[in-house]
Amino acid sequence: MYRILIVEDDRGIAEAIKNLVNMWDLQAICARNFRNLMADFAEYDPHLVLLDIVLPFFNGYYWCSEIRKVSKVPVIFISSVSDNMNIVMAMNLGADDFIVKPFDQNVLIAKIQAMLRRTYDFGTQIPILEHRGAMLNTGDNTLIYQEKKVPLTKNEYRILLSLMENKGKVVSRERLMEKLWESDSFVDENTLTVNVNRLRKKLEAIGLINFITTKFGVGYIIMEENNK
């Protein structure tokens, strides 16, 4: 079932769109974290985003550009701010379509279905993992944080992927070495330590300080919050 992320701060309009989308055998959720929309985006992993322009904290143009840094997911703007300049700006920032409020419900559903057919008949979406503003792109093994993008080696990527998939939980050194063995390279205790240290230096270079915590004698953990 296709997942639709609705980014609309008017709760009445958002819920109405959600109910409409659900009627057509599509799964919809309304964004709630307007200060950090990318957290909702990463958690829900949508197949399509419906995006308003006027939003709290940051406008839709900002979020469209942020989404485009990590994903090719279709973005359809839905807005009453519909002069030609705004439509052109939306499309230049990576939007796939623009629907003017108020809109006909049948037109909205038709556009959503057409966009899903065109997109997912020819390709698949790249999943994203997000934590504390850091976004791990599993499609090209890169990490993005505060406008900075850093490439990861195969081993660094496997370590960070395992830790982010288990955030809040300690991942044992033995488990991490098993993950690195999947890359068909010899891995011992020293090799793991070297890779973790290199990964930490890359994270610190882009501002992610103390992102990975060592649990001596056990393994490593990415804490749920900064202060834990």
N, C-alpha and C. Protein backbone atom coordinates (compact mmCIF):
# COMPACT_ATOMS: atom_id res chain seq x y z
N MET A 1 0.85 -1.20 0.00
CA MET A 1 0.00 0.00 0.00
C MET A 1 0.88 1.24 0.00
N TYR A 2 0.59 2.17 -0.88
CA TYR A 2 1.37 3.40 -0.97
C TYR A 2 1.10 4.30 0.23
N ARG A 3 2.17 4.96 0.73
CA ARG A 3 2.09 5.84 1.89
C ARG A 3 2.20 7.29 1.45
N ILE A 4 1.25 8.11 1.93
CA ILE A 4 1.20 9.52 1.57
C ILE A 4 1.44 10.35 2.82
N LEU A 5 2.42 11.26 2.79
CA LEU A 5 2.68 12.18 3.90
C LEU A 5 2.04 13.52 3.57
N ILE A 6 1.10 13.95 4.42
CA ILE A 6 0.38 15.21 4.22
C ILE A 6 0.99 16.27 5.12
N VAL A 7 1.56 17.31 4.51
CA VAL A 7 2.21 18.38 5.28
C VAL A 7 1.34 19.63 5.14
N GLU A 8 0.41 19.76 6.06
CA GLU A 8 -0.59 20.84 6.05
C GLU A 8 -0.89 21.21 7.50
N ASP A 9 -0.68 22.49 7.88
CA ASP A 9 -0.84 22.86 9.28
C ASP A 9 -2.28 23.16 9.66
N ASP A 10 -3.17 23.31 8.69
CA ASP A 10 -4.59 23.44 8.99
C ASP A 10 -5.13 22.03 9.24
N ARG A 11 -5.41 21.71 10.51
CA ARG A 11 -5.77 20.34 10.87
C ARG A 11 -7.04 19.88 10.17
N GLY A 12 -8.00 20.81 9.96
CA GLY A 12 -9.23 20.42 9.28
C GLY A 12 -8.98 19.97 7.85
N ILE A 13 -8.16 20.75 7.12
CA ILE A 13 -7.84 20.40 5.74
C ILE A 13 -7.00 19.13 5.70
N ALA A 14 -6.04 19.02 6.61
CA ALA A 14 -5.17 17.84 6.63
C ALA A 14 -5.97 16.56 6.87
N GLU A 15 -6.88 16.60 7.85
CA GLU A 15 -7.68 15.42 8.15
C GLU A 15 -8.63 15.08 7.01
N ALA A 16 -9.17 16.10 6.35
CA ALA A 16 -10.06 15.87 5.21
C ALA A 16 -9.32 15.17 4.07
N ILE A 17 -8.09 15.63 3.79
CA ILE A 17 -7.28 14.98 2.75
C ILE A 17 -6.93 13.56 3.16
N LYS A 18 -6.59 13.39 4.43
CA LYS A 18 -6.25 12.05 4.92
C LYS A 18 -7.42 11.08 4.74
N ASN A 19 -8.62 11.51 5.13
CA ASN A 19 -9.80 10.65 4.99
C ASN A 19 -10.08 10.32 3.52
N LEU A 20 -9.90 11.33 2.66
CA LEU A 20 -10.12 11.12 1.23
C LEU A 20 -9.13 10.10 0.67
N VAL A 21 -7.86 10.27 1.00
CA VAL A 21 -6.82 9.37 0.50
C VAL A 21 -7.04 7.94 0.98
N ASN A 22 -7.42 7.81 2.26
CA ASN A 22 -7.65 6.48 2.82
C ASN A 22 -8.80 5.75 2.13
N MET A 23 -9.77 6.50 1.63
CA MET A 23 -10.91 5.90 0.93
C MET A 23 -10.49 5.22 -0.37
N TRP A 24 -9.33 5.62 -0.89
CA TRP A 24 -8.87 5.08 -2.17
C TRP A 24 -7.77 4.04 -1.99
N ASP A 25 -7.81 3.35 -0.85
CA ASP A 25 -6.86 2.26 -0.57
C ASP A 25 -5.41 2.75 -0.57
N LEU A 26 -5.22 3.98 -0.11
CA LEU A 26 -3.89 4.53 0.10
C LEU A 26 -3.75 4.82 1.59
N GLN A 27 -2.55 4.74 2.09
CA GLN A 27 -2.32 4.99 3.52
C GLN A 27 -1.77 6.41 3.69
N ALA A 28 -2.39 7.20 4.55
CA ALA A 28 -1.98 8.59 4.72
C ALA A 28 -1.71 8.91 6.18
N ILE A 29 -0.78 9.82 6.41
CA ILE A 29 -0.49 10.32 7.74
C ILE A 29 -0.26 11.82 7.63
N CYS A 30 -0.67 12.55 8.67
CA CYS A 30 -0.49 14.00 8.70
C CYS A 30 0.76 14.34 9.49
N ALA A 31 1.64 15.14 8.92
CA ALA A 31 2.85 15.57 9.62
C ALA A 31 2.47 16.40 10.84
N ARG A 32 3.25 16.25 11.90
CA ARG A 32 3.01 16.99 13.14
C ARG A 32 4.25 17.76 13.59
N ASN A 33 5.41 17.34 13.14
CA ASN A 33 6.65 17.98 13.58
C ASN A 33 7.07 19.02 12.54
N PHE A 34 6.46 20.19 12.58
CA PHE A 34 6.75 21.21 11.58
C PHE A 34 8.09 21.89 11.82
N ARG A 35 8.66 21.71 12.99
CA ARG A 35 9.99 22.25 13.26
C ARG A 35 11.07 21.37 12.62
N ASN A 36 10.81 20.07 12.56
CA ASN A 36 11.76 19.13 11.96
C ASN A 36 10.99 18.11 11.13
N LEU A 37 10.52 18.55 9.99
CA LEU A 37 9.71 17.68 9.13
C LEU A 37 10.48 16.46 8.67
N MET A 38 11.80 16.57 8.54
CA MET A 38 12.58 15.44 8.03
C MET A 38 12.55 14.25 8.98
N ALA A 39 12.30 14.49 10.25
CA ALA A 39 12.15 13.37 11.19
C ALA A 39 10.89 12.57 10.84
N ASP A 40 9.77 13.29 10.58
CA ASP A 40 8.54 12.61 10.16
C ASP A 40 8.77 11.90 8.82
N PHE A 41 9.46 12.58 7.92
CA PHE A 41 9.71 12.02 6.59
C PHE A 41 10.50 10.71 6.69
N ALA A 42 11.56 10.73 7.49
CA ALA A 42 12.39 9.52 7.63
C ALA A 42 11.63 8.40 8.33
N GLU A 43 10.85 8.74 9.35
CA GLU A 43 10.12 7.71 10.09
C GLU A 43 9.03 7.07 9.24
N TYR A 44 8.30 7.88 8.48
CA TYR A 44 7.16 7.36 7.73
C TYR A 44 7.57 6.78 6.38
N ASP A 45 8.69 7.29 5.81
CA ASP A 45 9.20 6.77 4.54
C ASP A 45 8.11 6.76 3.47
N PRO A 46 7.56 7.94 3.14
CA PRO A 46 6.41 8.00 2.23
C PRO A 46 6.77 7.74 0.77
N HIS A 47 5.76 7.33 0.00
CA HIS A 47 5.91 7.19 -1.44
C HIS A 47 5.59 8.50 -2.15
N LEU A 48 4.87 9.41 -1.47
CA LEU A 48 4.50 10.69 -2.06
C LEU A 48 4.25 11.69 -0.94
N VAL A 49 4.61 12.96 -1.18
CA VAL A 49 4.41 14.02 -0.19
C VAL A 49 3.47 15.07 -0.76
N LEU A 50 2.42 15.41 0.00
CA LEU A 50 1.55 16.54 -0.32
C LEU A 50 1.99 17.69 0.58
N LEU A 51 2.39 18.81 0.01
CA LEU A 51 3.11 19.84 0.75
C LEU A 51 2.49 21.22 0.56
N ASP A 52 2.09 21.85 1.67
CA ASP A 52 1.62 23.23 1.63
C ASP A 52 2.83 24.17 1.59
N ILE A 53 2.59 25.42 1.18
CA ILE A 53 3.69 26.39 1.15
C ILE A 53 3.82 27.11 2.49
N VAL A 54 2.71 27.64 3.00
CA VAL A 54 2.74 28.42 4.24
C VAL A 54 2.62 27.47 5.43
N LEU A 55 3.72 27.33 6.18
CA LEU A 55 3.79 26.40 7.31
C LEU A 55 4.49 27.08 8.48
N PRO A 56 4.32 26.57 9.70
CA PRO A 56 5.05 27.12 10.85
C PRO A 56 6.56 26.85 10.71
N PHE A 57 7.37 27.75 11.24
CA PHE A 57 8.82 27.62 11.33
C PHE A 57 9.51 27.75 9.98
N PHE A 58 9.26 26.82 9.05
CA PHE A 58 9.88 26.86 7.73
C PHE A 58 8.80 26.62 6.68
N ASN A 59 8.91 27.30 5.54
CA ASN A 59 7.86 27.13 4.53
C ASN A 59 8.09 25.87 3.69
N GLY A 60 7.11 25.61 2.84
CA GLY A 60 7.16 24.41 2.02
C GLY A 60 8.32 24.38 1.05
N TYR A 61 8.76 25.55 0.57
CA TYR A 61 9.90 25.58 -0.33
C TYR A 61 11.15 25.03 0.36
N TYR A 62 11.32 25.43 1.61
CA TYR A 62 12.49 24.95 2.38
C TYR A 62 12.45 23.43 2.51
N TRP A 63 11.28 22.90 2.88
CA TRP A 63 11.19 21.46 3.10
C TRP A 63 11.31 20.68 1.80
N CYS A 64 10.82 21.26 0.71
CA CYS A 64 10.97 20.59 -0.58
C CYS A 64 12.45 20.46 -0.94
N SER A 65 13.22 21.53 -0.71
CA SER A 65 14.65 21.47 -1.01
C SER A 65 15.36 20.49 -0.10
N GLU A 66 14.93 20.39 1.17
CA GLU A 66 15.54 19.43 2.09
C GLU A 66 15.24 17.99 1.67
N ILE A 67 14.01 17.74 1.26
CA ILE A 67 13.63 16.41 0.79
C ILE A 67 14.45 16.03 -0.44
N ARG A 68 14.63 16.99 -1.34
CA ARG A 68 15.36 16.70 -2.58
C ARG A 68 16.83 16.38 -2.34
N LYS A 69 17.37 16.76 -1.20
CA LYS A 69 18.77 16.43 -0.90
C LYS A 69 18.95 14.94 -0.64
N VAL A 70 17.87 14.27 -0.24
CA VAL A 70 18.01 12.87 0.17
C VAL A 70 17.07 11.91 -0.56
N SER A 71 16.14 12.42 -1.35
CA SER A 71 15.14 11.52 -1.93
C SER A 71 14.56 12.09 -3.22
N LYS A 72 14.15 11.19 -4.10
CA LYS A 72 13.45 11.56 -5.33
C LYS A 72 11.95 11.32 -5.22
N VAL A 73 11.47 11.15 -4.00
CA VAL A 73 10.05 10.90 -3.79
C VAL A 73 9.22 12.02 -4.42
N PRO A 74 8.09 11.70 -5.07
CA PRO A 74 7.26 12.74 -5.67
C PRO A 74 6.72 13.72 -4.63
N VAL A 75 6.78 15.01 -4.96
CA VAL A 75 6.26 16.07 -4.10
C VAL A 75 5.22 16.86 -4.88
N ILE A 76 4.01 16.93 -4.34
CA ILE A 76 2.94 17.73 -4.94
C ILE A 76 2.61 18.87 -3.99
N PHE A 77 2.78 20.11 -4.44
CA PHE A 77 2.39 21.25 -3.64
C PHE A 77 0.88 21.44 -3.70
N ILE A 78 0.29 21.75 -2.55
CA ILE A 78 -1.13 22.10 -2.47
C ILE A 78 -1.22 23.43 -1.74
N SER A 79 -1.60 24.49 -2.44
CA SER A 79 -1.55 25.80 -1.81
C SER A 79 -2.51 26.78 -2.48
N SER A 80 -2.98 27.74 -1.67
CA SER A 80 -3.79 28.84 -2.21
C SER A 80 -2.90 29.96 -2.72
N VAL A 81 -1.61 29.90 -2.40
CA VAL A 81 -0.63 30.87 -2.93
C VAL A 81 -0.25 30.38 -4.32
N SER A 82 -1.02 30.81 -5.32
CA SER A 82 -0.97 30.12 -6.61
C SER A 82 -0.60 31.02 -7.79
N ASP A 83 0.07 32.16 -7.53
CA ASP A 83 0.49 32.98 -8.67
C ASP A 83 1.63 32.27 -9.39
N ASN A 84 1.90 32.74 -10.61
CA ASN A 84 2.88 32.05 -11.45
C ASN A 84 4.26 31.98 -10.81
N MET A 85 4.66 33.03 -10.09
CA MET A 85 5.98 33.04 -9.48
C MET A 85 6.14 31.91 -8.46
N ASN A 86 5.11 31.69 -7.64
CA ASN A 86 5.18 30.63 -6.64
C ASN A 86 5.17 29.26 -7.29
N ILE A 87 4.39 29.10 -8.33
CA ILE A 87 4.36 27.81 -9.03
C ILE A 87 5.71 27.51 -9.66
N VAL A 88 6.31 28.51 -10.30
CA VAL A 88 7.62 28.33 -10.92
C VAL A 88 8.68 28.01 -9.86
N MET A 89 8.63 28.71 -8.72
CA MET A 89 9.60 28.47 -7.65
C MET A 89 9.48 27.04 -7.13
N ALA A 90 8.23 26.59 -6.94
CA ALA A 90 8.01 25.22 -6.45
C ALA A 90 8.61 24.19 -7.41
N MET A 91 8.35 24.37 -8.69
CA MET A 91 8.85 23.41 -9.67
C MET A 91 10.38 23.45 -9.77
N ASN A 92 10.96 24.65 -9.64
CA ASN A 92 12.42 24.77 -9.71
C ASN A 92 13.10 24.12 -8.51
N LEU A 93 12.39 24.05 -7.38
CA LEU A 93 12.96 23.44 -6.19
C LEU A 93 12.78 21.93 -6.14
N GLY A 94 12.12 21.39 -7.17
CA GLY A 94 12.01 19.94 -7.25
C GLY A 94 10.62 19.38 -7.11
N ALA A 95 9.60 20.25 -7.04
CA ALA A 95 8.22 19.74 -6.97
C ALA A 95 7.85 19.06 -8.28
N ASP A 96 6.93 18.10 -8.20
CA ASP A 96 6.48 17.36 -9.38
C ASP A 96 5.15 17.87 -9.91
N ASP A 97 4.39 18.56 -9.06
CA ASP A 97 3.10 19.09 -9.49
C ASP A 97 2.66 20.16 -8.50
N PHE A 98 1.65 20.94 -8.88
CA PHE A 98 1.14 22.02 -8.05
C PHE A 98 -0.38 22.05 -8.20
N ILE A 99 -1.09 21.90 -7.07
CA ILE A 99 -2.55 21.92 -7.08
C ILE A 99 -3.02 23.14 -6.28
N VAL A 100 -3.92 23.90 -6.86
CA VAL A 100 -4.38 25.15 -6.25
C VAL A 100 -5.58 24.89 -5.35
N LYS A 101 -5.54 25.42 -4.12
CA LYS A 101 -6.71 25.40 -3.23
C LYS A 101 -7.66 26.54 -3.62
N PRO A 102 -8.95 26.32 -3.47
CA PRO A 102 -9.61 25.04 -3.18
C PRO A 102 -9.58 24.12 -4.41
N PHE A 103 -9.51 22.84 -4.18
CA PHE A 103 -9.35 21.90 -5.28
C PHE A 103 -10.51 20.91 -5.28
N ASP A 104 -10.74 20.31 -6.42
CA ASP A 104 -11.73 19.25 -6.55
C ASP A 104 -11.13 17.95 -6.04
N GLN A 105 -11.85 17.23 -5.20
CA GLN A 105 -11.32 16.01 -4.61
C GLN A 105 -10.97 14.97 -5.66
N ASN A 106 -11.76 14.86 -6.69
CA ASN A 106 -11.48 13.89 -7.74
C ASN A 106 -10.20 14.22 -8.50
N VAL A 107 -9.96 15.51 -8.69
CA VAL A 107 -8.73 15.93 -9.37
C VAL A 107 -7.51 15.59 -8.52
N LEU A 108 -7.61 15.84 -7.20
CA LEU A 108 -6.51 15.53 -6.31
C LEU A 108 -6.16 14.03 -6.34
N ILE A 109 -7.17 13.18 -6.21
CA ILE A 109 -6.93 11.74 -6.23
C ILE A 109 -6.38 11.29 -7.58
N ALA A 110 -6.89 11.86 -8.66
CA ALA A 110 -6.41 11.48 -9.99
C ALA A 110 -4.94 11.83 -10.16
N LYS A 111 -4.55 13.00 -9.67
CA LYS A 111 -3.15 13.41 -9.78
C LYS A 111 -2.25 12.55 -8.92
N ILE A 112 -2.70 12.22 -7.70
CA ILE A 112 -1.92 11.36 -6.82
C ILE A 112 -1.71 9.99 -7.47
N GLN A 113 -2.79 9.39 -7.97
CA GLN A 113 -2.69 8.06 -8.57
C GLN A 113 -1.81 8.07 -9.82
N ALA A 114 -1.93 9.12 -10.63
CA ALA A 114 -1.11 9.21 -11.84
C ALA A 114 0.37 9.35 -11.48
N MET A 115 0.66 10.16 -10.44
CA MET A 115 2.04 10.35 -10.02
C MET A 115 2.64 9.05 -9.48
N LEU A 116 1.85 8.31 -8.71
CA LEU A 116 2.33 7.04 -8.17
C LEU A 116 2.60 6.03 -9.29
N ARG A 117 1.73 5.98 -10.26
CA ARG A 117 1.92 5.05 -11.38
C ARG A 117 3.20 5.39 -12.14
N ARG A 118 3.38 6.67 -12.45
CA ARG A 118 4.55 7.08 -13.23
C ARG A 118 5.84 6.82 -12.48
N THR A 119 5.82 7.06 -11.18
CA THR A 119 7.04 6.96 -10.38
C THR A 119 7.43 5.51 -10.10
N TYR A 120 6.48 4.71 -9.65
CA TYR A 120 6.83 3.39 -9.15
C TYR A 120 6.69 2.28 -10.18
N ASP A 121 6.29 2.63 -11.39
CA ASP A 121 6.39 1.68 -12.48
C ASP A 121 7.82 1.62 -13.02
N PHE A 122 8.59 2.68 -12.73
CA PHE A 122 9.92 2.79 -13.34
C PHE A 122 11.06 2.82 -12.34
N GLY A 123 10.78 2.80 -11.08
CA GLY A 123 11.88 2.87 -10.13
C GLY A 123 11.41 2.63 -8.72
N THR A 124 12.35 2.54 -7.80
CA THR A 124 12.03 2.32 -6.40
C THR A 124 12.61 3.45 -5.57
N GLN A 125 12.06 3.64 -4.40
CA GLN A 125 12.48 4.71 -3.53
C GLN A 125 13.68 4.30 -2.69
N ILE A 126 14.55 5.27 -2.40
CA ILE A 126 15.71 5.03 -1.56
C ILE A 126 15.33 5.34 -0.12
N PRO A 127 15.39 4.36 0.79
CA PRO A 127 15.01 4.62 2.17
C PRO A 127 16.04 5.47 2.90
N ILE A 128 15.56 6.23 3.89
CA ILE A 128 16.38 7.13 4.67
C ILE A 128 16.22 6.78 6.14
N LEU A 129 17.33 6.80 6.90
CA LEU A 129 17.28 6.69 8.35
C LEU A 129 17.67 8.04 8.94
N GLU A 130 16.90 8.52 9.93
CA GLU A 130 17.17 9.84 10.51
C GLU A 130 17.25 9.74 12.02
N HIS A 131 18.19 10.48 12.62
CA HIS A 131 18.28 10.58 14.07
C HIS A 131 19.00 11.86 14.43
N ARG A 132 18.39 12.67 15.30
CA ARG A 132 18.98 13.92 15.77
C ARG A 132 19.42 14.81 14.62
N GLY A 133 18.65 14.80 13.54
CA GLY A 133 18.96 15.65 12.39
C GLY A 133 19.93 15.04 11.40
N ALA A 134 20.54 13.92 11.75
CA ALA A 134 21.45 13.23 10.83
C ALA A 134 20.67 12.25 9.98
N MET A 135 20.89 12.28 8.67
CA MET A 135 20.14 11.43 7.75
C MET A 135 21.09 10.51 6.99
N LEU A 136 20.90 9.21 7.17
CA LEU A 136 21.72 8.20 6.49
C LEU A 136 20.99 7.75 5.24
N ASN A 137 21.58 8.01 4.10
CA ASN A 137 21.00 7.62 2.81
C ASN A 137 21.50 6.23 2.46
N THR A 138 20.60 5.26 2.48
CA THR A 138 20.99 3.87 2.22
C THR A 138 21.17 3.59 0.74
N GLY A 139 20.87 4.58 -0.09
CA GLY A 139 21.04 4.38 -1.53
C GLY A 139 22.46 4.63 -2.00
N ASP A 140 23.13 5.64 -1.40
CA ASP A 140 24.49 5.94 -1.85
C ASP A 140 25.52 5.96 -0.72
N ASN A 141 25.13 5.42 0.45
CA ASN A 141 26.07 5.30 1.59
C ASN A 141 26.66 6.65 1.99
N THR A 142 25.81 7.66 2.14
CA THR A 142 26.26 8.96 2.58
C THR A 142 25.45 9.39 3.80
N LEU A 143 26.02 10.33 4.57
CA LEU A 143 25.35 10.89 5.73
C LEU A 143 25.25 12.40 5.53
N ILE A 144 24.07 12.95 5.80
CA ILE A 144 23.85 14.39 5.65
C ILE A 144 23.47 14.97 7.00
N TYR A 145 24.14 16.07 7.36
CA TYR A 145 23.83 16.75 8.62
C TYR A 145 24.12 18.24 8.47
N GLN A 146 23.09 19.06 8.71
CA GLN A 146 23.23 20.52 8.64
C GLN A 146 23.92 20.98 7.36
N GLU A 147 23.35 20.61 6.25
CA GLU A 147 23.81 21.01 4.92
C GLU A 147 25.13 20.38 4.49
N LYS A 148 25.69 19.50 5.34
CA LYS A 148 26.96 18.86 5.01
C LYS A 148 26.74 17.39 4.68
N LYS A 149 27.38 16.94 3.61
CA LYS A 149 27.23 15.56 3.16
C LYS A 149 28.59 14.88 3.19
N VAL A 150 28.66 13.72 3.82
CA VAL A 150 29.92 13.00 3.95
C VAL A 150 29.77 11.58 3.41
N PRO A 151 30.68 11.15 2.53
CA PRO A 151 30.64 9.76 2.04
C PRO A 151 31.21 8.81 3.09
N LEU A 152 30.67 7.61 3.14
CA LEU A 152 31.11 6.60 4.09
C LEU A 152 31.69 5.41 3.35
N THR A 153 32.73 4.81 3.94
CA THR A 153 33.23 3.56 3.37
C THR A 153 32.20 2.46 3.64
N LYS A 154 32.40 1.30 3.00
CA LYS A 154 31.46 0.20 3.18
C LYS A 154 31.36 -0.20 4.66
N ASN A 155 32.51 -0.29 5.33
CA ASN A 155 32.50 -0.68 6.73
C ASN A 155 31.88 0.39 7.62
N GLU A 156 32.22 1.65 7.36
CA GLU A 156 31.63 2.75 8.15
C GLU A 156 30.12 2.77 8.00
N TYR A 157 29.67 2.57 6.77
CA TYR A 157 28.23 2.56 6.51
C TYR A 157 27.55 1.42 7.26
N ARG A 158 28.12 0.22 7.22
CA ARG A 158 27.51 -0.93 7.89
C ARG A 158 27.45 -0.71 9.41
N ILE A 159 28.50 -0.11 9.97
CA ILE A 159 28.50 0.17 11.41
C ILE A 159 27.41 1.16 11.76
N LEU A 160 27.37 2.27 11.03
CA LEU A 160 26.39 3.32 11.34
C LEU A 160 24.97 2.84 11.10
N LEU A 161 24.76 2.06 10.05
CA LEU A 161 23.44 1.51 9.77
C LEU A 161 22.96 0.64 10.92
N SER A 162 23.82 -0.23 11.41
CA SER A 162 23.45 -1.11 12.52
C SER A 162 23.11 -0.31 13.77
N LEU A 163 23.90 0.72 14.06
CA LEU A 163 23.65 1.52 15.25
C LEU A 163 22.39 2.35 15.14
N MET A 164 22.13 2.93 13.96
CA MET A 164 20.94 3.76 13.79
C MET A 164 19.67 2.91 13.76
N GLU A 165 19.78 1.69 13.23
CA GLU A 165 18.63 0.79 13.24
C GLU A 165 18.28 0.35 14.66
N ASN A 166 19.26 0.44 15.56
CA ASN A 166 19.06 0.00 16.95
C ASN A 166 19.29 1.14 17.94
N LYS A 167 18.95 2.37 17.53
CA LYS A 167 19.22 3.52 18.40
C LYS A 167 18.54 3.32 19.76
N GLY A 168 19.29 3.69 20.80
CA GLY A 168 18.80 3.48 22.15
C GLY A 168 19.16 2.13 22.72
N LYS A 169 19.76 1.27 21.89
CA LYS A 169 20.16 -0.07 22.33
C LYS A 169 21.65 -0.28 22.06
N VAL A 170 22.30 -1.01 22.95
CA VAL A 170 23.71 -1.32 22.75
C VAL A 170 23.84 -2.42 21.70
N VAL A 171 24.70 -2.18 20.72
CA VAL A 171 25.01 -3.19 19.71
C VAL A 171 26.38 -3.75 20.06
N SER A 172 26.46 -5.04 20.27
CA SER A 172 27.71 -5.66 20.72
C SER A 172 28.78 -5.60 19.63
N ARG A 173 30.03 -5.64 20.07
CA ARG A 173 31.14 -5.66 19.12
C ARG A 173 31.07 -6.91 18.24
N GLU A 174 30.62 -8.01 18.83
CA GLU A 174 30.51 -9.25 18.06
C GLU A 174 29.49 -9.10 16.93
N ARG A 175 28.37 -8.45 17.23
CA ARG A 175 27.34 -8.26 16.20
C ARG A 175 27.84 -7.35 15.09
N LEU A 176 28.56 -6.30 15.47
CA LEU A 176 29.09 -5.39 14.46
C LEU A 176 30.13 -6.09 13.58
N MET A 177 30.95 -6.93 14.17
CA MET A 177 31.93 -7.66 13.37
C MET A 177 31.26 -8.64 12.41
N GLU A 178 30.13 -9.21 12.85
CA GLU A 178 29.36 -10.08 11.94
C GLU A 178 28.85 -9.29 10.74
N LYS A 179 28.40 -8.05 10.99
CA LYS A 179 27.91 -7.21 9.89
C LYS A 179 29.04 -6.87 8.93
N LEU A 180 30.23 -6.60 9.48
CA LEU A 180 31.36 -6.26 8.62
C LEU A 180 31.85 -7.47 7.83
N TRP A 181 31.72 -8.66 8.41
CA TRP A 181 32.11 -9.87 7.70
C TRP A 181 31.27 -10.06 6.43
N GLU A 182 30.06 -9.49 6.42
CA GLU A 182 29.18 -9.62 5.25
C GLU A 182 29.78 -8.95 4.02
N SER A 183 30.75 -8.07 4.26
CA SER A 183 31.40 -7.40 3.13
C SER A 183 32.58 -8.22 2.58
N ASP A 184 32.73 -9.45 3.10
CA ASP A 184 33.79 -10.37 2.62
C ASP A 184 35.20 -9.85 2.90
N SER A 185 35.35 -9.07 3.96
CA SER A 185 36.68 -8.61 4.35
C SER A 185 37.00 -9.14 5.74
N PHE A 186 38.29 -9.37 5.99
CA PHE A 186 38.68 -9.89 7.30
C PHE A 186 38.51 -8.81 8.36
N VAL A 187 37.83 -9.13 9.45
CA VAL A 187 37.56 -8.17 10.51
C VAL A 187 37.91 -8.79 11.85
N ASP A 188 38.78 -8.11 12.59
CA ASP A 188 39.07 -8.54 13.95
C ASP A 188 38.75 -7.38 14.89
N GLU A 189 39.05 -7.54 16.18
CA GLU A 189 38.73 -6.52 17.18
C GLU A 189 39.40 -5.19 16.82
N ASN A 190 40.64 -5.23 16.41
CA ASN A 190 41.37 -4.01 16.10
C ASN A 190 40.79 -3.30 14.87
N THR A 191 40.42 -4.11 13.87
CA THR A 191 39.82 -3.53 12.65
C THR A 191 38.53 -2.80 12.97
N LEU A 192 37.70 -3.38 13.83
CA LEU A 192 36.45 -2.73 14.22
C LEU A 192 36.73 -1.42 14.93
N THR A 193 37.67 -1.42 15.86
CA THR A 193 38.01 -0.21 16.60
C THR A 193 38.49 0.90 15.67
N VAL A 194 39.34 0.54 14.72
CA VAL A 194 39.85 1.52 13.76
C VAL A 194 38.71 2.11 12.94
N ASN A 195 37.78 1.27 12.48
CA ASN A 195 36.66 1.76 11.68
C ASN A 195 35.74 2.67 12.47
N VAL A 196 35.48 2.31 13.73
CA VAL A 196 34.63 3.15 14.57
C VAL A 196 35.28 4.50 14.82
N ASN A 197 36.58 4.50 15.08
CA ASN A 197 37.30 5.76 15.32
C ASN A 197 37.29 6.66 14.09
N ARG A 198 37.47 6.07 12.91
CA ARG A 198 37.42 6.85 11.67
C ARG A 198 36.02 7.41 11.44
N LEU A 199 35.02 6.59 11.73
CA LEU A 199 33.64 7.04 11.58
C LEU A 199 33.35 8.20 12.52
N ARG A 200 33.80 8.10 13.76
CA ARG A 200 33.58 9.18 14.74
C ARG A 200 34.21 10.49 14.25
N LYS A 201 35.42 10.40 13.69
CA LYS A 201 36.09 11.60 13.20
C LYS A 201 35.29 12.25 12.07
N LYS A 202 34.72 11.44 11.19
CA LYS A 202 33.91 11.98 10.11
C LYS A 202 32.65 12.65 10.66
N LEU A 203 32.04 12.03 11.67
CA LEU A 203 30.83 12.61 12.27
C LEU A 203 31.16 13.92 12.98
N GLU A 204 32.26 13.94 13.71
CA GLU A 204 32.64 15.16 14.43
C GLU A 204 32.98 16.28 13.46
N ALA A 205 33.53 15.95 12.29
CA ALA A 205 33.91 16.96 11.31
C ALA A 205 32.71 17.71 10.76
N ILE A 206 31.52 17.09 10.80
CA ILE A 206 30.32 17.78 10.31
C ILE A 206 29.42 18.23 11.46
N GLY A 207 29.94 18.14 12.70
CA GLY A 207 29.22 18.69 13.84
C GLY A 207 28.49 17.69 14.71
N LEU A 208 28.61 16.40 14.41
CA LEU A 208 27.94 15.37 15.21
C LEU A 208 28.90 14.89 16.30
N ILE A 209 28.89 15.61 17.42
CA ILE A 209 29.79 15.31 18.52
C ILE A 209 29.14 14.28 19.45
N ASN A 210 29.92 13.28 19.85
CA ASN A 210 29.43 12.24 20.77
C ASN A 210 28.18 11.54 20.25
N PHE A 211 28.10 11.37 18.94
CA PHE A 211 26.95 10.70 18.34
C PHE A 211 26.96 9.21 18.69
N ILE A 212 28.15 8.62 18.73
CA ILE A 212 28.31 7.21 19.08
C ILE A 212 28.96 7.12 20.45
N THR A 213 28.34 6.37 21.35
CA THR A 213 28.87 6.20 22.71
C THR A 213 29.39 4.78 22.88
N THR A 214 30.57 4.67 23.51
CA THR A 214 31.16 3.36 23.79
C THR A 214 30.65 2.82 25.11
N LYS A 215 30.21 1.58 25.11
CA LYS A 215 29.90 0.87 26.34
C LYS A 215 31.02 -0.15 26.54
N PHE A 216 31.98 0.22 27.38
CA PHE A 216 33.22 -0.54 27.50
C PHE A 216 32.95 -2.01 27.86
N GLY A 217 33.60 -2.88 27.11
CA GLY A 217 33.46 -4.30 27.33
C GLY A 217 32.22 -4.90 26.71
N VAL A 218 31.37 -4.06 26.10
CA VAL A 218 30.11 -4.55 25.53
C VAL A 218 30.00 -4.21 24.05
N GLY A 219 29.96 -2.91 23.74
CA GLY A 219 29.79 -2.50 22.35
C GLY A 219 29.58 -1.01 22.24
N TYR A 220 28.68 -0.62 21.32
CA TYR A 220 28.45 0.79 21.05
C TYR A 220 26.95 1.07 21.00
N ILE A 221 26.60 2.37 21.22
CA ILE A 221 25.19 2.75 21.22
C ILE A 221 25.05 4.18 20.71
N ILE A 222 23.98 4.42 19.98
CA ILE A 222 23.55 5.79 19.65
C ILE A 222 22.38 6.10 20.56
N MET A 223 22.57 7.08 21.46
CA MET A 223 21.58 7.43 22.43
C MET A 223 20.32 8.02 21.78
N GLU A 224 19.18 7.83 22.41
CA GLU A 224 17.93 8.39 21.90
C GLU A 224 17.96 9.91 21.91
N GLU A 225 18.57 10.50 22.95
CA GLU A 225 18.63 11.96 23.07
C GLU A 225 20.07 12.37 23.36
N ASN A 226 20.36 13.67 23.10
CA ASN A 226 21.71 14.18 23.31
C ASN A 226 22.16 14.11 24.75
N ASN A 227 21.23 14.27 25.70
CA ASN A 227 21.63 14.40 27.08
C ASN A 227 21.64 13.09 27.83
N LYS A 228 21.46 11.97 27.15
CA LYS A 228 21.48 10.67 27.82
C LYS A 228 22.85 10.03 27.75
